[in-house]
Protein backbone atom coordinates (compact mmCIF):
# COMPACT_ATOMS: atom_id res chain seq x y z
CA UNK A 1 -18.76 0.71 70.39
CA UNK A 2 -22.37 -0.55 70.53
CA UNK A 3 -23.56 2.54 68.64
CA UNK A 4 -21.25 1.92 65.68
CA UNK A 5 -22.66 0.50 62.51
CA UNK A 6 -21.24 -2.63 60.89
CA UNK A 7 -19.38 -0.55 58.25
CA UNK A 8 -17.94 1.80 60.89
CA UNK A 9 -16.87 -1.14 63.02
CA UNK A 10 -15.06 -2.75 60.07
CA UNK A 11 -13.36 0.49 59.27
CA UNK A 12 -12.27 0.89 62.92
CA UNK A 13 -10.83 -2.64 62.98
CA UNK A 14 -8.91 -2.01 59.76
CA UNK A 15 -7.48 1.19 61.16
CA UNK A 16 -6.38 -0.56 64.36
CA UNK A 17 -4.75 -3.31 62.31
CA UNK A 18 -2.66 -0.85 60.32
CA UNK A 19 1.04 -1.30 61.14
CA UNK A 20 3.06 1.58 62.50
CA UNK A 21 4.31 3.82 59.75
CA UNK A 22 8.03 3.26 59.15
CA UNK A 23 10.33 3.52 56.15
CA UNK A 24 9.36 -0.08 55.34
CA UNK A 25 5.57 0.45 55.39
CA UNK A 26 5.35 4.03 54.10
CA UNK A 27 7.30 6.70 52.25
CA UNK A 28 8.83 8.03 55.48
CA UNK A 29 12.63 8.28 55.37
CA UNK A 30 14.69 5.68 57.27
CA UNK A 31 16.08 8.40 59.55
CA UNK A 32 12.67 8.64 61.26
CA UNK A 33 12.65 4.97 62.29
CA UNK A 34 13.13 4.18 65.95
CA UNK A 35 15.87 1.72 66.70
CA UNK A 36 14.58 -1.31 68.58
CA UNK A 37 16.39 -2.48 71.68
CA UNK A 38 17.50 -6.04 71.24
CA UNK A 39 17.30 -8.35 74.22
CA UNK A 40 20.38 -10.42 75.01
CA UNK A 41 22.30 -8.50 72.37
CA UNK A 42 25.91 -9.51 71.91
CA UNK A 43 28.83 -7.27 71.05
CA UNK A 44 29.95 -7.06 67.46
CA UNK A 45 33.10 -8.50 66.00
CA UNK A 46 34.25 -12.04 65.36
CA UNK A 47 32.66 -14.73 67.49
CA UNK A 48 34.70 -17.38 69.37
CA UNK A 49 35.75 -20.13 67.00
CA UNK A 50 35.38 -17.97 63.90
CA UNK A 51 37.92 -18.92 61.27
CA UNK A 52 39.81 -15.83 60.10
CA UNK A 53 39.84 -14.89 56.44
CA UNK A 54 43.19 -13.50 55.34
CA UNK A 55 44.23 -12.13 51.98
CA UNK A 56 45.41 -14.84 49.62
CA UNK A 57 49.10 -14.78 48.71
CA UNK A 58 49.90 -13.66 45.18
CA UNK A 59 50.53 -16.46 42.66
CA UNK A 60 53.50 -14.77 40.99
CA UNK A 61 55.36 -12.37 43.29
CA UNK A 62 57.75 -9.98 41.58
CA UNK A 63 60.45 -10.19 44.23
CA UNK A 64 61.48 -12.46 47.10
CA UNK A 65 63.15 -11.16 50.27
CA UNK A 66 64.38 -13.92 52.60
CA UNK A 67 64.70 -13.30 56.32
CA UNK A 68 67.19 -15.70 57.95
CA UNK A 69 68.44 -15.59 61.54
CA UNK A 70 72.14 -14.73 61.83
CA UNK A 71 72.86 -15.94 65.38
CA UNK A 72 71.45 -18.56 67.71
CA UNK A 73 69.24 -17.08 70.41
CA UNK A 74 70.27 -19.82 72.88
CA UNK A 75 74.08 -19.80 72.65
CA UNK A 76 74.90 -16.82 70.44
CA UNK A 77 76.63 -18.91 67.83
CA UNK A 78 76.63 -17.67 64.21
CA UNK A 79 74.92 -19.53 61.39
CA UNK A 80 76.90 -20.26 58.25
CA UNK A 81 75.56 -19.32 54.84
CA UNK A 82 74.87 -22.93 53.96
CA UNK A 83 73.08 -23.79 57.22
CA UNK A 84 69.90 -25.80 56.81
CA UNK A 85 66.73 -23.72 56.88
CA UNK A 86 62.99 -24.35 57.09
CA UNK A 87 60.27 -22.06 55.69
CA UNK A 88 57.98 -21.09 58.57
CA UNK A 89 56.04 -18.14 57.13
CA UNK A 90 55.26 -16.16 53.99
CA UNK A 91 53.82 -12.66 53.81
CA UNK A 92 53.05 -10.38 50.87
CA UNK A 93 53.91 -6.69 50.84
CA UNK A 94 51.96 -5.00 48.03
CA UNK A 95 52.95 -1.68 46.50
CA UNK A 96 52.27 0.18 43.31
CA UNK A 97 55.53 1.16 41.58
CA UNK A 98 56.11 4.81 40.78
CA UNK A 99 54.07 5.73 37.69
CA UNK A 100 55.40 8.36 35.33
CA UNK A 101 54.90 9.06 31.65
CA UNK A 102 57.04 7.02 29.26
CA UNK A 103 58.28 9.52 26.69
CA UNK A 104 59.66 8.45 23.34
CA UNK A 105 61.48 11.28 21.56
CA UNK A 106 61.18 10.85 17.80
CA UNK A 107 64.08 12.53 16.02
CA UNK A 108 63.99 13.18 12.32
CA UNK A 109 67.24 13.57 10.40
CA UNK A 110 68.30 14.67 6.95
CA UNK A 111 71.33 13.36 5.10
CA UNK A 112 73.17 14.95 2.18
CA UNK A 113 74.18 12.59 -0.61
CA UNK A 114 77.94 12.42 -1.07
CA UNK A 115 77.53 11.66 -4.81
CA UNK A 116 75.05 14.26 -6.02
CA UNK A 117 74.79 16.60 -3.04
CA UNK A 118 71.01 16.32 -2.72
CA UNK A 119 69.60 16.39 0.81
CA UNK A 120 67.31 13.42 1.73
CA UNK A 121 64.89 13.84 4.63
CA UNK A 122 63.53 11.00 6.74
CA UNK A 123 59.77 10.48 6.58
CA UNK A 124 57.92 12.23 9.41
CA UNK A 125 56.63 9.82 12.06
CA UNK A 126 52.89 9.60 12.66
CA UNK A 127 53.18 11.41 15.99
CA UNK A 128 54.36 14.54 14.13
CA UNK A 129 50.84 15.15 12.76
CA UNK A 130 48.63 13.52 15.44
CA UNK A 131 48.29 13.54 19.20
CA UNK A 132 51.33 12.92 21.38
CA UNK A 133 49.22 10.83 23.78
CA UNK A 134 49.23 7.07 23.29
CA UNK A 135 46.29 4.60 23.31
CA UNK A 136 46.65 3.77 27.02
CA UNK A 137 46.24 7.42 27.99
CA UNK A 138 43.18 7.62 25.71
CA UNK A 139 41.68 4.49 27.29
CA UNK A 140 42.30 5.73 30.83
CA UNK A 141 40.80 9.18 30.13
CA UNK A 142 37.67 7.61 28.57
CA UNK A 143 37.29 5.21 31.50
CA UNK A 144 37.67 7.90 34.16
CA UNK A 145 35.32 10.27 32.35
CA UNK A 146 32.68 7.77 31.25
CA UNK A 147 32.59 5.34 34.18
CA UNK A 148 33.97 7.29 37.16
CA UNK A 149 32.22 10.54 36.09
CA UNK A 150 35.20 12.81 36.73
CA UNK A 151 34.85 16.38 35.59
CA UNK A 152 37.37 17.80 33.17
CA UNK A 153 39.01 19.78 35.97
CA UNK A 154 39.31 16.75 38.25
CA UNK A 155 40.49 14.59 35.35
CA UNK A 156 43.27 17.08 34.61
CA UNK A 157 44.19 17.08 38.28
CA UNK A 158 44.39 13.31 38.42
CA UNK A 159 46.72 13.11 35.45
CA UNK A 160 48.88 15.87 36.95
CA UNK A 161 49.00 14.56 40.55
CA UNK A 162 49.11 10.78 39.91
CA UNK A 163 51.22 10.66 36.74
CA UNK A 164 52.98 14.00 36.55
CA UNK A 165 51.35 14.56 33.15
CA UNK A 166 49.96 17.94 32.14
CA UNK A 167 46.92 17.47 29.87
CA UNK A 168 44.74 20.39 28.86
CA UNK A 169 40.94 20.22 28.71
CA UNK A 170 41.14 20.71 24.96
CA UNK A 171 43.46 17.70 24.68
CA UNK A 172 41.01 15.63 26.71
CA UNK A 173 38.11 16.68 24.49
CA UNK A 174 40.11 15.72 21.39
CA UNK A 175 40.79 12.28 22.91
CA UNK A 176 37.06 11.72 23.28
CA UNK A 177 36.35 12.94 19.76
CA UNK A 178 38.98 10.56 18.35
CA UNK A 179 37.21 7.70 20.16
CA UNK A 180 33.97 8.22 18.18
CA UNK A 181 34.74 5.63 15.55
CA UNK A 182 35.38 2.90 18.12
CA UNK A 183 32.21 3.75 20.01
CA UNK A 184 30.12 3.66 16.85
CA UNK A 185 31.22 0.08 16.11
CA UNK A 186 30.15 -1.16 19.55
CA UNK A 187 27.04 1.01 19.46
CA UNK A 188 25.89 -0.65 16.26
CA UNK A 189 26.40 -4.10 17.77
CA UNK A 190 24.41 -3.28 20.92
CA UNK A 191 21.58 -1.62 18.97
CA UNK A 192 21.30 -4.60 16.63
CA UNK A 193 20.89 -6.92 19.64
CA UNK A 194 18.19 -4.80 21.25
CA UNK A 195 16.35 -4.39 17.93
CA UNK A 196 16.08 -8.16 17.61
CA UNK A 197 15.18 -8.92 21.25
CA UNK A 198 11.97 -10.60 22.35
CA UNK A 199 11.76 -8.63 25.62
CA UNK A 200 12.94 -5.00 25.92
CA UNK A 201 12.86 -2.75 28.99
CA UNK A 202 13.25 1.00 28.93
CA UNK A 203 13.47 4.00 31.24
CA UNK A 204 14.45 7.64 31.03
CA UNK A 205 15.72 10.19 33.50
CA UNK A 206 16.63 13.85 33.42
CA UNK A 207 20.21 15.02 32.82
CA UNK A 208 21.96 18.27 31.91
CA UNK A 209 23.59 18.47 28.49
CA UNK A 210 25.46 21.66 27.65
CA UNK A 211 23.48 23.57 30.25
CA UNK A 212 20.15 22.33 28.89
CA UNK A 213 17.58 20.08 30.54
CA UNK A 214 17.79 16.81 28.62
CA UNK A 215 17.12 13.10 29.11
CA UNK A 216 19.15 9.92 29.47
CA UNK A 217 17.28 7.02 27.90
CA UNK A 218 18.11 3.36 28.60
CA UNK A 219 17.04 0.41 26.45
CA UNK A 220 18.08 -3.08 27.41
CA UNK A 221 17.42 -6.75 26.92
CA UNK A 222 19.11 -9.76 28.44
CA UNK A 223 22.20 -9.45 26.22
CA UNK A 224 22.68 -5.72 25.57
CA UNK A 225 22.20 -2.26 27.00
CA UNK A 226 21.94 0.98 25.03
CA UNK A 227 22.34 4.41 26.71
CA UNK A 228 20.92 7.19 24.57
CA UNK A 229 21.10 10.88 25.59
CA UNK A 230 18.56 13.10 23.89
CA UNK A 231 16.99 16.51 24.32
CA UNK A 232 13.52 15.00 23.96
CA UNK A 233 11.42 12.82 26.27
CA UNK A 234 8.90 12.03 23.54
CA UNK A 235 8.07 8.65 22.02
CA UNK A 236 10.08 9.68 18.97
CA UNK A 237 13.25 8.63 20.83
CA UNK A 238 11.91 5.10 21.23
CA UNK A 239 10.83 4.94 17.58
CA UNK A 240 14.31 6.07 16.43
CA UNK A 241 15.99 3.54 18.68
CA UNK A 242 13.84 0.54 17.78
CA UNK A 243 13.84 1.29 14.04
CA UNK A 244 10.54 -0.47 13.42
CA UNK A 245 11.20 -3.52 15.61
CA UNK A 246 8.24 -4.42 17.88
CA UNK A 247 9.32 -6.74 20.71
CA UNK A 248 6.93 -9.29 22.12
CA UNK A 249 6.99 -7.63 25.54
CA UNK A 250 7.88 -4.05 26.50
CA UNK A 251 8.70 -3.29 30.18
CA UNK A 252 8.42 0.26 31.49
CA UNK A 253 6.66 2.56 33.89
CA UNK A 254 3.32 4.27 33.12
CA UNK A 255 4.81 7.26 31.30
CA UNK A 256 2.81 7.85 28.10
CA UNK A 257 5.85 7.94 25.78
CA UNK A 258 6.72 4.40 26.93
CA UNK A 259 3.39 2.95 25.87
CA UNK A 260 2.44 0.94 22.73
CA UNK A 261 5.94 -0.15 21.74
CA UNK A 262 5.47 -3.90 22.16
CA UNK A 263 2.88 -6.52 21.34
CA UNK A 264 2.31 -6.79 25.10
CA UNK A 265 3.30 -4.61 28.01
CA UNK A 266 4.52 -5.23 31.57
CA UNK A 267 4.01 -2.20 33.78
CA UNK A 268 6.56 -1.73 36.56
CA UNK A 269 4.81 -2.83 39.74
CA UNK A 270 7.48 -1.19 41.90
CA UNK A 271 6.25 2.21 40.78
CA UNK A 272 2.67 1.28 41.60
CA UNK A 273 3.78 -0.05 44.99
CA UNK A 274 5.31 3.34 45.81
CA UNK A 275 2.09 5.06 44.72
CA UNK A 276 0.08 2.73 46.95
CA UNK A 277 2.40 3.42 49.93
CA UNK A 278 2.00 7.15 49.45
CA UNK A 279 -1.79 6.94 49.19
CA UNK A 280 -1.90 4.71 52.29
CA UNK A 281 0.22 7.12 54.30
CA UNK A 282 -1.57 10.30 53.32
CA UNK A 283 -5.06 9.01 52.55
CA UNK A 284 -8.08 8.29 54.73
CA UNK A 285 -9.17 4.97 53.27
CA UNK A 286 -7.94 1.37 53.57
CA UNK A 287 -8.12 0.74 49.81
CA UNK A 288 -4.44 1.68 49.21
CA UNK A 289 -3.46 -0.84 51.86
CA UNK A 290 -5.47 -3.54 50.08
CA UNK A 291 -3.78 -2.64 46.79
CA UNK A 292 -0.44 -2.80 48.55
CA UNK A 293 -1.20 -6.28 49.87
CA UNK A 294 -2.29 -7.35 46.38
CA UNK A 295 0.98 -6.10 44.91
CA UNK A 296 2.84 -7.99 47.62
CA UNK A 297 1.15 -11.21 46.47
CA UNK A 298 2.28 -10.45 42.92
CA UNK A 299 5.85 -9.94 44.09
CA UNK A 300 5.76 -13.22 46.01
CA UNK A 301 4.45 -15.01 42.93
CA UNK A 302 7.22 -13.60 40.78
CA UNK A 303 9.89 -14.59 43.28
CA UNK A 304 8.82 -18.23 43.28
CA UNK A 305 7.58 -18.42 39.69
CA UNK A 306 10.18 -20.97 38.63
CA UNK A 307 8.86 -23.45 41.20
CA UNK A 308 5.32 -23.60 39.84
CA UNK A 309 3.89 -25.85 37.15
CA UNK A 310 2.07 -24.12 34.30
CA UNK A 311 -1.35 -25.12 35.65
CA UNK A 312 -0.54 -23.84 39.13
CA UNK A 313 0.81 -20.59 37.76
CA UNK A 314 -2.32 -20.10 35.65
CA UNK A 315 -4.55 -20.69 38.68
CA UNK A 316 -2.65 -18.22 40.82
CA UNK A 317 -2.83 -15.65 38.03
CA UNK A 318 -6.63 -16.07 37.78
CA UNK A 319 -6.91 -15.63 41.57
CA UNK A 320 -4.95 -12.37 41.41
CA UNK A 321 -7.08 -11.14 38.50
CA UNK A 322 -10.25 -11.90 40.47
CA UNK A 323 -8.97 -10.05 43.52
CA UNK A 324 -7.89 -7.11 41.36
CA UNK A 325 -11.32 -6.87 39.78
CA UNK A 326 -12.87 -6.59 43.25
CA UNK A 327 -10.39 -3.89 44.31
CA UNK A 328 -11.05 -1.83 41.17
CA UNK A 329 -14.79 -1.99 41.83
CA UNK A 330 -14.51 -1.13 45.53
CA UNK A 331 -16.15 2.20 46.54
CA UNK A 332 -14.00 4.88 48.12
CA UNK A 333 -14.44 8.46 49.25
CA UNK A 334 -10.71 9.24 49.42
CA UNK A 335 -9.32 11.26 46.52
CA UNK A 336 -5.85 9.65 46.76
CA UNK A 337 -7.36 6.16 46.83
CA UNK A 338 -9.58 7.02 43.87
CA UNK A 339 -6.59 8.29 41.85
CA UNK A 340 -4.63 5.14 42.69
CA UNK A 341 -7.60 2.98 41.72
CA UNK A 342 -7.91 4.77 38.37
CA UNK A 343 -4.17 4.49 37.64
CA UNK A 344 -4.09 0.76 38.36
CA UNK A 345 -7.32 0.32 36.42
CA UNK A 346 -5.78 1.85 33.30
CA UNK A 347 -2.90 -0.63 33.55
CA UNK A 348 -4.89 -3.70 34.59
CA UNK A 349 -4.02 -5.59 31.39
CA UNK A 350 -0.30 -4.87 31.91
CA UNK A 351 0.14 -5.98 35.52
CA UNK A 352 0.46 -9.78 35.27
CA UNK A 353 2.13 -10.20 31.88
CA UNK A 354 5.15 -11.71 33.63
CA UNK A 355 3.05 -14.75 34.50
CA UNK A 356 2.94 -15.71 30.80
CA UNK A 357 6.72 -15.52 30.46
CA UNK A 358 8.25 -17.28 33.49
CA UNK A 359 11.85 -16.27 33.95
CA UNK A 360 11.85 -14.01 30.87
CA UNK A 361 9.85 -10.95 31.96
CA UNK A 362 10.46 -9.09 35.19
CA UNK A 363 7.51 -7.49 36.96
CA UNK A 364 9.51 -4.33 37.72
CA UNK A 365 11.66 -2.00 35.65
CA UNK A 366 14.33 -1.70 38.32
CA UNK A 367 16.98 -3.23 36.04
CA UNK A 368 16.69 -0.21 33.74
CA UNK A 369 17.46 2.07 36.65
CA UNK A 370 20.50 -0.02 37.59
CA UNK A 371 22.09 -0.33 34.15
CA UNK A 372 24.02 2.89 34.58
CA UNK A 373 26.44 0.58 36.41
CA UNK A 374 28.14 -1.54 33.79
CA UNK A 375 27.42 -5.26 33.77
CA UNK A 376 30.46 -7.00 32.23
CA UNK A 377 28.26 -9.88 31.04
CA UNK A 378 26.32 -7.60 28.71
CA UNK A 379 27.15 -5.72 25.56
CA UNK A 380 26.91 -2.06 26.55
CA UNK A 381 26.70 0.90 24.22
CA UNK A 382 27.23 3.92 26.42
CA UNK A 383 27.34 7.25 24.63
CA UNK A 384 29.23 9.96 26.51
CA UNK A 385 27.56 13.35 26.66
CA UNK A 386 29.61 14.54 23.69
CA UNK A 387 29.07 11.50 21.43
CA UNK A 388 26.20 11.01 19.02
CA UNK A 389 23.67 13.42 20.51
CA UNK A 390 20.86 14.79 18.45
CA UNK A 391 19.91 18.42 18.54
CA UNK A 392 16.33 19.59 18.83
CA UNK A 393 16.21 19.89 15.05
CA UNK A 394 17.37 16.28 14.69
CA UNK A 395 20.88 17.11 13.43
CA UNK A 396 23.91 15.59 15.08
CA UNK A 397 26.13 17.96 17.07
CA UNK A 398 29.49 18.91 15.62
CA UNK A 399 31.60 18.48 18.72
CA UNK A 400 34.56 20.31 17.19
CA UNK A 401 32.64 23.54 17.71
CA UNK A 402 30.74 22.71 20.91
CA UNK A 403 31.93 22.36 24.47
CA UNK A 404 30.48 19.52 26.52
CA UNK A 405 28.80 20.30 29.79
CA UNK A 406 31.43 20.29 32.50
CA UNK A 407 30.65 18.69 35.79
């Protein structure tokens, strides 16, 4: 120890202070964590004195079944039908009634005139030239396909097993095609909201469309979400979606196609935190740990941002900027630390934008990754894989002659 230099001693202390690597402090999977033994641990289950929570009785039951004693347990005497009674308990039995298709047979007749002998035919009903499946079947098929992600084969099986209804895959495809007009109306509403928003967040992920590697883009603001499948991952998709609108703040990761779409930019700090954790786990320098601690301070600031006055928030932002400047200038001999330092340096003007928009701008882009689950409070425009896609040449697909990717 006495032979170590000051720098070596500092490095040794930092290494000894490093916490054990777990799924919380590194990129190791949770399965590698060791379960801690808890002292004075108590068995699970309800604790003494816990008030039970039972299912609430239905407000409007469909049927009542009264259970009345017929004889006295003490003397064996019979009770008359008009004997006084007291309600001592109520219980709900819940069941789904048998579900089967409701079929309306439309019959068309012709009548021959008794005066002139000419035959008059009744007008053909609409069902004679369109689909036999009603709007509820269309709505259920779209819901199960779009939100529950059932394949065509499983969707056919569900209609057959649950409802006794035989629906071909072609009939299902035609249901989705007939829904285009309704989707376009809602799509236009959602796009108009996003194209007028002050803050827009975006993300993209890989998907398979008709056996081809493609991309699922998400654009959202506080009031609307737009899901846009496309074969391209280029910035052209963003330009087409935004139609010239430049929001005040754009939130995304560091992907190049997501850059330069807003007046200001907020880089997702969650992505950088994962990069810092990886560099800390696999690197040989303490710089990634220091970046990770700095990012932790930014997360703490964002969590309590509503509690700070403008002057306090400005001071805390300047402190973080000063600390970041020192970290970006710190020397390092680790390649992973150097790469992390360069990545954060390129985004240094995009890291603390959320401080200037308290409560309006999130410091991560995690909401974009979660919007595949529908939020009922927002206006969603979710294009199924067969609706409104663009081909590589920019022309819309004619779904009458294409088969959607089956999953």
